[in-house]
Amino acid sequence: CLSDWSSDVCSSDLYSLVVAKGGPKFKETDPAADHPGGFTLPWGGVMVPSKDGMNMYGASMASFVPYIAMRMNVGRPIQDKTGLTGKYDLVMKRQDDMGSASDPDSAMRSILNDLGLKLESTKGQVETLVIDHMERPSEN
């Protein structure tokens, strides 16, 4: 790891979210559109459940990555390497196969494929928090 004043940066195995062959299969957000029944996500965008799945509106790719990381248990950090800088409407249709025992993340990979995105295994620099000392607080 390379030390910094506030954190360490380490080389690590990770996944990169990239645009698949054929390009993205979603559109840029219409800022004037209203999305009733949705809730604002802490990392940006509005999530609206539907009978067919889940929709995200006004989401950047940087805000979509935490959603992917939350839904998938890939055991590595995921970084946005799509090069897409706008805000987008992402329609995520419910998958009939919600993941098999051998690949529990297959449903999310299928959703990514439907969006024209994919995860690629790679190596890269990851900011890492290092705790080198810990003790109980004093009674004062």
N, C-alpha and C. Protein backbone atom coordinates (compact mmCIF):
# COMPACT_ATOMS: atom_id res chain seq x y z
N CYS A 1 0.84 -1.19 0.00
CA CYS A 1 0.00 0.00 0.00
C CYS A 1 0.88 1.25 0.00
N LEU A 2 0.40 2.28 -0.66
CA LEU A 2 1.07 3.57 -0.65
C LEU A 2 0.42 4.43 0.41
N SER A 3 1.20 4.93 1.34
CA SER A 3 0.62 5.67 2.46
C SER A 3 0.35 7.11 2.06
N ASP A 4 -0.68 7.67 2.63
CA ASP A 4 -1.14 9.04 2.41
C ASP A 4 -1.42 9.62 3.79
N TRP A 5 -1.59 10.91 3.91
CA TRP A 5 -1.87 11.50 5.22
C TRP A 5 -3.17 10.98 5.82
N SER A 6 -4.19 10.75 5.00
CA SER A 6 -5.50 10.41 5.54
C SER A 6 -5.93 8.97 5.28
N SER A 7 -5.28 8.30 4.35
CA SER A 7 -5.71 6.95 4.02
C SER A 7 -4.58 6.21 3.33
N ASP A 8 -4.79 4.95 3.07
CA ASP A 8 -3.85 4.16 2.29
C ASP A 8 -4.51 3.82 0.97
N VAL A 9 -3.70 3.69 -0.09
CA VAL A 9 -4.18 3.27 -1.39
C VAL A 9 -3.47 1.98 -1.71
N CYS A 10 -4.25 0.93 -1.93
CA CYS A 10 -3.69 -0.40 -2.16
C CYS A 10 -4.12 -0.91 -3.53
N SER A 11 -3.28 -1.73 -4.11
CA SER A 11 -3.64 -2.44 -5.33
C SER A 11 -4.49 -3.63 -4.92
N SER A 12 -5.59 -3.85 -5.62
CA SER A 12 -6.53 -4.88 -5.22
C SER A 12 -7.25 -5.46 -6.43
N ASP A 13 -7.78 -6.69 -6.26
CA ASP A 13 -8.69 -7.24 -7.25
C ASP A 13 -10.00 -6.50 -7.11
N LEU A 14 -10.61 -6.13 -8.22
CA LEU A 14 -11.88 -5.42 -8.19
C LEU A 14 -12.66 -5.72 -9.45
N TYR A 15 -13.87 -5.21 -9.50
CA TYR A 15 -14.68 -5.28 -10.70
C TYR A 15 -14.86 -3.87 -11.23
N SER A 16 -14.82 -3.77 -12.55
CA SER A 16 -15.11 -2.51 -13.22
C SER A 16 -16.45 -2.64 -13.91
N LEU A 17 -17.35 -1.67 -13.68
CA LEU A 17 -18.59 -1.60 -14.42
C LEU A 17 -18.27 -0.92 -15.74
N VAL A 18 -18.52 -1.61 -16.85
CA VAL A 18 -18.20 -1.08 -18.18
C VAL A 18 -19.42 -1.22 -19.08
N VAL A 19 -19.40 -0.49 -20.18
CA VAL A 19 -20.44 -0.60 -21.19
C VAL A 19 -20.15 -1.84 -22.02
N ALA A 20 -21.16 -2.67 -22.22
CA ALA A 20 -21.01 -3.90 -23.00
C ALA A 20 -21.04 -3.57 -24.49
N LYS A 21 -20.63 -4.54 -25.29
CA LYS A 21 -20.68 -4.40 -26.75
C LYS A 21 -22.11 -4.06 -27.15
N GLY A 22 -22.29 -3.12 -28.03
CA GLY A 22 -23.63 -2.70 -28.45
C GLY A 22 -24.11 -1.45 -27.74
N GLY A 23 -23.39 -1.04 -26.68
CA GLY A 23 -23.70 0.22 -26.00
C GLY A 23 -24.79 0.11 -24.96
N PRO A 24 -24.99 1.20 -24.22
CA PRO A 24 -25.99 1.21 -23.15
C PRO A 24 -27.41 1.11 -23.72
N LYS A 25 -28.28 0.47 -22.96
CA LYS A 25 -29.68 0.28 -23.38
C LYS A 25 -30.61 1.00 -22.40
N PHE A 26 -30.34 2.29 -22.20
CA PHE A 26 -31.16 3.13 -21.35
C PHE A 26 -31.02 4.56 -21.84
N LYS A 27 -31.90 5.44 -21.37
CA LYS A 27 -31.93 6.81 -21.87
C LYS A 27 -31.56 7.81 -20.78
N GLU A 28 -31.19 8.99 -21.22
CA GLU A 28 -30.91 10.06 -20.26
C GLU A 28 -32.21 10.51 -19.62
N THR A 29 -32.12 10.95 -18.39
CA THR A 29 -33.28 11.39 -17.61
C THR A 29 -33.87 12.67 -18.16
N ASP A 30 -35.19 12.74 -18.16
CA ASP A 30 -35.90 13.98 -18.44
C ASP A 30 -36.06 14.69 -17.10
N PRO A 31 -35.34 15.80 -16.86
CA PRO A 31 -35.40 16.45 -15.56
C PRO A 31 -36.79 16.96 -15.18
N ALA A 32 -37.69 17.13 -16.17
CA ALA A 32 -39.03 17.63 -15.89
C ALA A 32 -39.99 16.52 -15.48
N ALA A 33 -39.60 15.26 -15.66
CA ALA A 33 -40.49 14.13 -15.35
C ALA A 33 -40.62 13.95 -13.84
N ASP A 34 -41.84 13.64 -13.42
CA ASP A 34 -42.13 13.38 -12.01
C ASP A 34 -42.17 11.87 -11.79
N HIS A 35 -41.74 11.43 -10.62
CA HIS A 35 -41.70 10.00 -10.32
C HIS A 35 -42.42 9.71 -9.01
N PRO A 36 -43.76 9.69 -9.05
CA PRO A 36 -44.51 9.45 -7.82
C PRO A 36 -44.28 8.04 -7.29
N GLY A 37 -44.38 7.92 -5.99
CA GLY A 37 -44.22 6.61 -5.36
C GLY A 37 -42.78 6.18 -5.19
N GLY A 38 -41.86 7.07 -5.53
CA GLY A 38 -40.45 6.73 -5.42
C GLY A 38 -39.84 7.26 -4.14
N PHE A 39 -38.63 6.80 -3.88
CA PHE A 39 -37.89 7.33 -2.75
C PHE A 39 -36.49 7.71 -3.21
N THR A 40 -35.99 8.79 -2.64
CA THR A 40 -34.68 9.32 -3.01
C THR A 40 -33.60 8.45 -2.41
N LEU A 41 -32.63 8.09 -3.24
CA LEU A 41 -31.51 7.28 -2.79
C LEU A 41 -30.41 8.16 -2.22
N PRO A 42 -29.72 7.72 -1.18
CA PRO A 42 -28.69 8.55 -0.56
C PRO A 42 -27.54 8.89 -1.51
N TRP A 43 -27.29 8.08 -2.49
CA TRP A 43 -26.18 8.33 -3.41
C TRP A 43 -26.64 8.97 -4.71
N GLY A 44 -27.91 9.33 -4.81
CA GLY A 44 -28.43 10.05 -5.96
C GLY A 44 -29.42 9.23 -6.76
N GLY A 45 -30.44 9.89 -7.27
CA GLY A 45 -31.47 9.23 -8.05
C GLY A 45 -32.70 8.92 -7.22
N VAL A 46 -33.73 8.47 -7.91
CA VAL A 46 -35.00 8.11 -7.28
C VAL A 46 -35.30 6.66 -7.65
N MET A 47 -35.64 5.84 -6.67
CA MET A 47 -35.98 4.44 -6.88
C MET A 47 -37.49 4.31 -6.83
N VAL A 48 -38.07 3.67 -7.85
CA VAL A 48 -39.51 3.47 -7.91
C VAL A 48 -39.79 1.99 -8.16
N PRO A 49 -40.37 1.30 -7.18
CA PRO A 49 -40.75 -0.10 -7.40
C PRO A 49 -41.87 -0.18 -8.44
N SER A 50 -41.86 -1.25 -9.22
CA SER A 50 -42.94 -1.49 -10.18
C SER A 50 -43.33 -2.96 -10.09
N LYS A 51 -44.45 -3.32 -10.69
CA LYS A 51 -44.88 -4.72 -10.65
C LYS A 51 -43.92 -5.62 -11.41
N ASP A 52 -43.16 -5.04 -12.34
CA ASP A 52 -42.22 -5.82 -13.16
C ASP A 52 -40.79 -5.80 -12.63
N GLY A 53 -40.52 -5.01 -11.60
CA GLY A 53 -39.15 -4.92 -11.09
C GLY A 53 -38.90 -3.63 -10.35
N MET A 54 -37.86 -2.92 -10.74
CA MET A 54 -37.45 -1.70 -10.06
C MET A 54 -36.92 -0.73 -11.12
N ASN A 55 -37.22 0.55 -10.93
CA ASN A 55 -36.72 1.58 -11.83
C ASN A 55 -35.95 2.62 -11.04
N MET A 56 -34.84 3.08 -11.62
CA MET A 56 -34.08 4.18 -11.05
C MET A 56 -34.15 5.32 -12.05
N TYR A 57 -34.45 6.51 -11.54
CA TYR A 57 -34.53 7.69 -12.38
C TYR A 57 -33.52 8.73 -11.88
N GLY A 58 -32.88 9.41 -12.82
CA GLY A 58 -31.93 10.46 -12.46
C GLY A 58 -30.69 9.92 -11.78
N ALA A 59 -30.29 8.71 -12.14
CA ALA A 59 -29.13 8.07 -11.51
C ALA A 59 -27.89 8.21 -12.38
N SER A 60 -26.81 8.60 -11.77
CA SER A 60 -25.53 8.58 -12.47
C SER A 60 -24.96 7.17 -12.35
N MET A 61 -24.00 6.85 -13.17
CA MET A 61 -23.36 5.54 -13.05
C MET A 61 -22.65 5.43 -11.70
N ALA A 62 -22.09 6.55 -11.22
CA ALA A 62 -21.43 6.53 -9.91
C ALA A 62 -22.43 6.24 -8.79
N SER A 63 -23.69 6.62 -8.98
CA SER A 63 -24.70 6.31 -7.96
C SER A 63 -25.31 4.93 -8.16
N PHE A 64 -25.18 4.36 -9.36
CA PHE A 64 -25.69 3.02 -9.64
C PHE A 64 -24.76 1.95 -9.06
N VAL A 65 -23.47 2.23 -9.00
CA VAL A 65 -22.50 1.26 -8.49
C VAL A 65 -22.81 0.82 -7.06
N PRO A 66 -23.12 1.72 -6.11
CA PRO A 66 -23.46 1.24 -4.76
C PRO A 66 -24.68 0.31 -4.75
N TYR A 67 -25.64 0.55 -5.65
CA TYR A 67 -26.80 -0.33 -5.74
C TYR A 67 -26.36 -1.73 -6.17
N ILE A 68 -25.50 -1.79 -7.18
CA ILE A 68 -24.99 -3.09 -7.65
C ILE A 68 -24.24 -3.79 -6.53
N ALA A 69 -23.37 -3.05 -5.86
CA ALA A 69 -22.57 -3.63 -4.77
C ALA A 69 -23.46 -4.15 -3.65
N MET A 70 -24.57 -3.43 -3.37
CA MET A 70 -25.49 -3.85 -2.33
C MET A 70 -26.23 -5.12 -2.74
N ARG A 71 -26.60 -5.22 -4.00
CA ARG A 71 -27.38 -6.37 -4.49
C ARG A 71 -26.54 -7.62 -4.76
N MET A 72 -25.26 -7.41 -5.06
CA MET A 72 -24.40 -8.54 -5.41
C MET A 72 -23.39 -8.78 -4.30
N ASN A 73 -23.03 -10.01 -4.11
CA ASN A 73 -22.02 -10.35 -3.11
C ASN A 73 -20.78 -10.82 -3.86
N VAL A 74 -20.11 -9.90 -4.54
CA VAL A 74 -18.97 -10.29 -5.38
C VAL A 74 -17.66 -10.35 -4.61
N GLY A 75 -17.63 -9.83 -3.39
CA GLY A 75 -16.44 -9.93 -2.56
C GLY A 75 -15.30 -9.02 -2.97
N ARG A 76 -15.57 -8.08 -3.86
CA ARG A 76 -14.56 -7.11 -4.30
C ARG A 76 -15.21 -5.75 -4.49
N PRO A 77 -14.43 -4.70 -4.42
CA PRO A 77 -14.98 -3.38 -4.74
C PRO A 77 -15.40 -3.32 -6.22
N ILE A 78 -16.40 -2.48 -6.50
CA ILE A 78 -16.85 -2.24 -7.88
C ILE A 78 -16.61 -0.77 -8.18
N GLN A 79 -15.97 -0.51 -9.33
CA GLN A 79 -15.70 0.87 -9.73
C GLN A 79 -16.40 1.18 -11.05
N ASP A 80 -16.87 2.41 -11.19
CA ASP A 80 -17.50 2.85 -12.44
C ASP A 80 -16.42 3.18 -13.46
N LYS A 81 -16.40 2.42 -14.55
CA LYS A 81 -15.48 2.68 -15.65
C LYS A 81 -16.24 2.78 -16.97
N THR A 82 -17.53 3.18 -16.88
CA THR A 82 -18.36 3.27 -18.09
C THR A 82 -18.02 4.47 -18.96
N GLY A 83 -17.52 5.54 -18.34
CA GLY A 83 -17.28 6.78 -19.07
C GLY A 83 -18.56 7.57 -19.29
N LEU A 84 -19.69 7.09 -18.75
CA LEU A 84 -20.97 7.79 -18.89
C LEU A 84 -21.09 8.80 -17.75
N THR A 85 -21.32 10.07 -18.12
CA THR A 85 -21.29 11.13 -17.11
C THR A 85 -22.64 11.77 -16.82
N GLY A 86 -23.68 11.37 -17.54
CA GLY A 86 -25.00 11.98 -17.35
C GLY A 86 -25.80 11.31 -16.25
N LYS A 87 -27.08 11.65 -16.22
CA LYS A 87 -28.05 11.01 -15.31
C LYS A 87 -29.02 10.25 -16.19
N TYR A 88 -29.36 9.04 -15.75
CA TYR A 88 -30.08 8.11 -16.61
C TYR A 88 -31.28 7.49 -15.92
N ASP A 89 -32.21 6.97 -16.74
CA ASP A 89 -33.34 6.19 -16.27
C ASP A 89 -33.00 4.72 -16.53
N LEU A 90 -32.96 3.94 -15.47
CA LEU A 90 -32.58 2.53 -15.56
C LEU A 90 -33.77 1.67 -15.19
N VAL A 91 -34.22 0.86 -16.13
CA VAL A 91 -35.35 -0.04 -15.91
C VAL A 91 -34.79 -1.43 -15.65
N MET A 92 -35.02 -1.92 -14.44
CA MET A 92 -34.49 -3.24 -14.05
C MET A 92 -35.66 -4.20 -13.88
N LYS A 93 -35.86 -5.04 -14.91
CA LYS A 93 -36.97 -5.98 -14.89
C LYS A 93 -36.65 -7.15 -13.98
N ARG A 94 -37.67 -7.58 -13.23
CA ARG A 94 -37.54 -8.73 -12.35
C ARG A 94 -37.17 -9.95 -13.20
N GLN A 95 -36.21 -10.69 -12.73
CA GLN A 95 -35.75 -11.88 -13.44
C GLN A 95 -36.48 -13.10 -12.91
N ASP A 96 -36.91 -14.00 -13.82
CA ASP A 96 -37.58 -15.23 -13.39
C ASP A 96 -36.64 -16.06 -12.54
N ASP A 97 -35.37 -16.14 -12.97
CA ASP A 97 -34.36 -16.89 -12.21
C ASP A 97 -33.68 -15.89 -11.29
N MET A 98 -34.04 -15.88 -10.02
CA MET A 98 -33.48 -14.92 -9.08
C MET A 98 -32.12 -15.36 -8.55
N GLY A 99 -31.42 -16.18 -9.30
CA GLY A 99 -30.08 -16.62 -8.90
C GLY A 99 -30.10 -18.08 -8.52
N SER A 100 -29.11 -18.79 -8.99
CA SER A 100 -29.01 -20.21 -8.67
C SER A 100 -28.02 -20.41 -7.52
N ALA A 101 -27.98 -21.60 -6.99
CA ALA A 101 -27.06 -21.90 -5.89
C ALA A 101 -25.61 -21.74 -6.34
N SER A 102 -25.31 -22.08 -7.60
CA SER A 102 -23.93 -21.98 -8.09
C SER A 102 -23.56 -20.54 -8.45
N ASP A 103 -24.53 -19.70 -8.79
CA ASP A 103 -24.26 -18.30 -9.12
C ASP A 103 -25.42 -17.44 -8.60
N PRO A 104 -25.41 -17.11 -7.30
CA PRO A 104 -26.53 -16.36 -6.73
C PRO A 104 -26.68 -14.95 -7.32
N ASP A 105 -25.66 -14.46 -8.00
CA ASP A 105 -25.72 -13.11 -8.57
C ASP A 105 -26.14 -13.11 -10.03
N SER A 106 -26.60 -14.27 -10.55
CA SER A 106 -26.94 -14.36 -11.97
C SER A 106 -28.09 -13.42 -12.34
N ALA A 107 -29.05 -13.21 -11.44
CA ALA A 107 -30.16 -12.31 -11.75
C ALA A 107 -29.66 -10.88 -11.96
N MET A 108 -28.75 -10.41 -11.10
CA MET A 108 -28.22 -9.06 -11.25
C MET A 108 -27.36 -8.96 -12.50
N ARG A 109 -26.60 -10.01 -12.80
CA ARG A 109 -25.80 -10.00 -14.04
C ARG A 109 -26.72 -9.92 -15.26
N SER A 110 -27.86 -10.59 -15.20
CA SER A 110 -28.83 -10.54 -16.28
C SER A 110 -29.41 -9.13 -16.41
N ILE A 111 -29.70 -8.47 -15.29
CA ILE A 111 -30.19 -7.09 -15.30
C ILE A 111 -29.14 -6.18 -15.94
N LEU A 112 -27.88 -6.35 -15.54
CA LEU A 112 -26.81 -5.53 -16.13
C LEU A 112 -26.75 -5.76 -17.64
N ASN A 113 -26.85 -7.01 -18.06
CA ASN A 113 -26.83 -7.34 -19.49
C ASN A 113 -27.98 -6.64 -20.22
N ASP A 114 -29.19 -6.66 -19.62
CA ASP A 114 -30.34 -5.98 -20.23
C ASP A 114 -30.10 -4.48 -20.36
N LEU A 115 -29.30 -3.90 -19.46
CA LEU A 115 -28.99 -2.47 -19.50
C LEU A 115 -27.82 -2.14 -20.43
N GLY A 116 -27.18 -3.17 -20.99
CA GLY A 116 -26.02 -2.94 -21.85
C GLY A 116 -24.77 -2.66 -21.05
N LEU A 117 -24.69 -3.23 -19.84
CA LEU A 117 -23.54 -3.05 -18.95
C LEU A 117 -23.02 -4.42 -18.55
N LYS A 118 -21.78 -4.45 -18.06
CA LYS A 118 -21.23 -5.70 -17.52
C LYS A 118 -20.13 -5.39 -16.53
N LEU A 119 -19.81 -6.40 -15.72
CA LEU A 119 -18.70 -6.30 -14.77
C LEU A 119 -17.52 -7.06 -15.35
N GLU A 120 -16.35 -6.41 -15.30
CA GLU A 120 -15.11 -7.06 -15.73
C GLU A 120 -14.17 -7.15 -14.55
N SER A 121 -13.57 -8.31 -14.39
CA SER A 121 -12.58 -8.52 -13.33
C SER A 121 -11.29 -7.81 -13.71
N THR A 122 -10.72 -7.06 -12.78
CA THR A 122 -9.50 -6.31 -13.06
C THR A 122 -8.75 -6.05 -11.76
N LYS A 123 -7.63 -5.38 -11.87
CA LYS A 123 -6.88 -4.92 -10.70
C LYS A 123 -6.85 -3.40 -10.75
N GLY A 124 -6.80 -2.79 -9.59
CA GLY A 124 -6.76 -1.34 -9.56
C GLY A 124 -6.45 -0.82 -8.17
N GLN A 125 -6.37 0.49 -8.07
CA GLN A 125 -6.09 1.15 -6.81
C GLN A 125 -7.39 1.36 -6.05
N VAL A 126 -7.40 1.00 -4.79
CA VAL A 126 -8.58 1.13 -3.95
C VAL A 126 -8.19 1.84 -2.67
N GLU A 127 -8.93 2.90 -2.31
CA GLU A 127 -8.67 3.58 -1.04
C GLU A 127 -9.08 2.65 0.09
N THR A 128 -8.21 2.51 1.07
CA THR A 128 -8.42 1.58 2.17
C THR A 128 -8.23 2.28 3.49
N LEU A 129 -9.17 2.12 4.39
CA LEU A 129 -9.06 2.67 5.73
C LEU A 129 -8.29 1.67 6.58
N VAL A 130 -7.24 2.13 7.22
CA VAL A 130 -6.41 1.27 8.05
C VAL A 130 -6.51 1.74 9.50
N ILE A 131 -6.92 0.84 10.38
CA ILE A 131 -6.98 1.14 11.82
C ILE A 131 -5.79 0.44 12.45
N ASP A 132 -4.85 1.22 12.97
CA ASP A 132 -3.64 0.59 13.52
C ASP A 132 -3.63 0.55 15.05
N HIS A 133 -4.64 1.13 15.69
CA HIS A 133 -4.69 1.09 17.14
C HIS A 133 -6.12 1.35 17.60
N MET A 134 -6.52 0.65 18.66
CA MET A 134 -7.85 0.84 19.21
C MET A 134 -7.80 0.51 20.70
N GLU A 135 -8.47 1.31 21.51
CA GLU A 135 -8.58 1.01 22.93
C GLU A 135 -9.88 1.57 23.46
N ARG A 136 -10.33 1.04 24.59
CA ARG A 136 -11.57 1.51 25.20
C ARG A 136 -11.38 2.95 25.68
N PRO A 137 -12.47 3.74 25.62
CA PRO A 137 -12.36 5.12 26.11
C PRO A 137 -12.21 5.14 27.64
N SER A 138 -11.55 6.17 28.14
CA SER A 138 -11.40 6.31 29.59
C SER A 138 -12.75 6.74 30.19
N GLU A 139 -12.87 6.64 31.50
CA GLU A 139 -14.13 6.99 32.16
C GLU A 139 -14.38 8.49 32.16
N ASN A 140 -13.39 9.31 31.91
CA ASN A 140 -13.57 10.77 31.91
C ASN A 140 -14.18 11.18 30.63
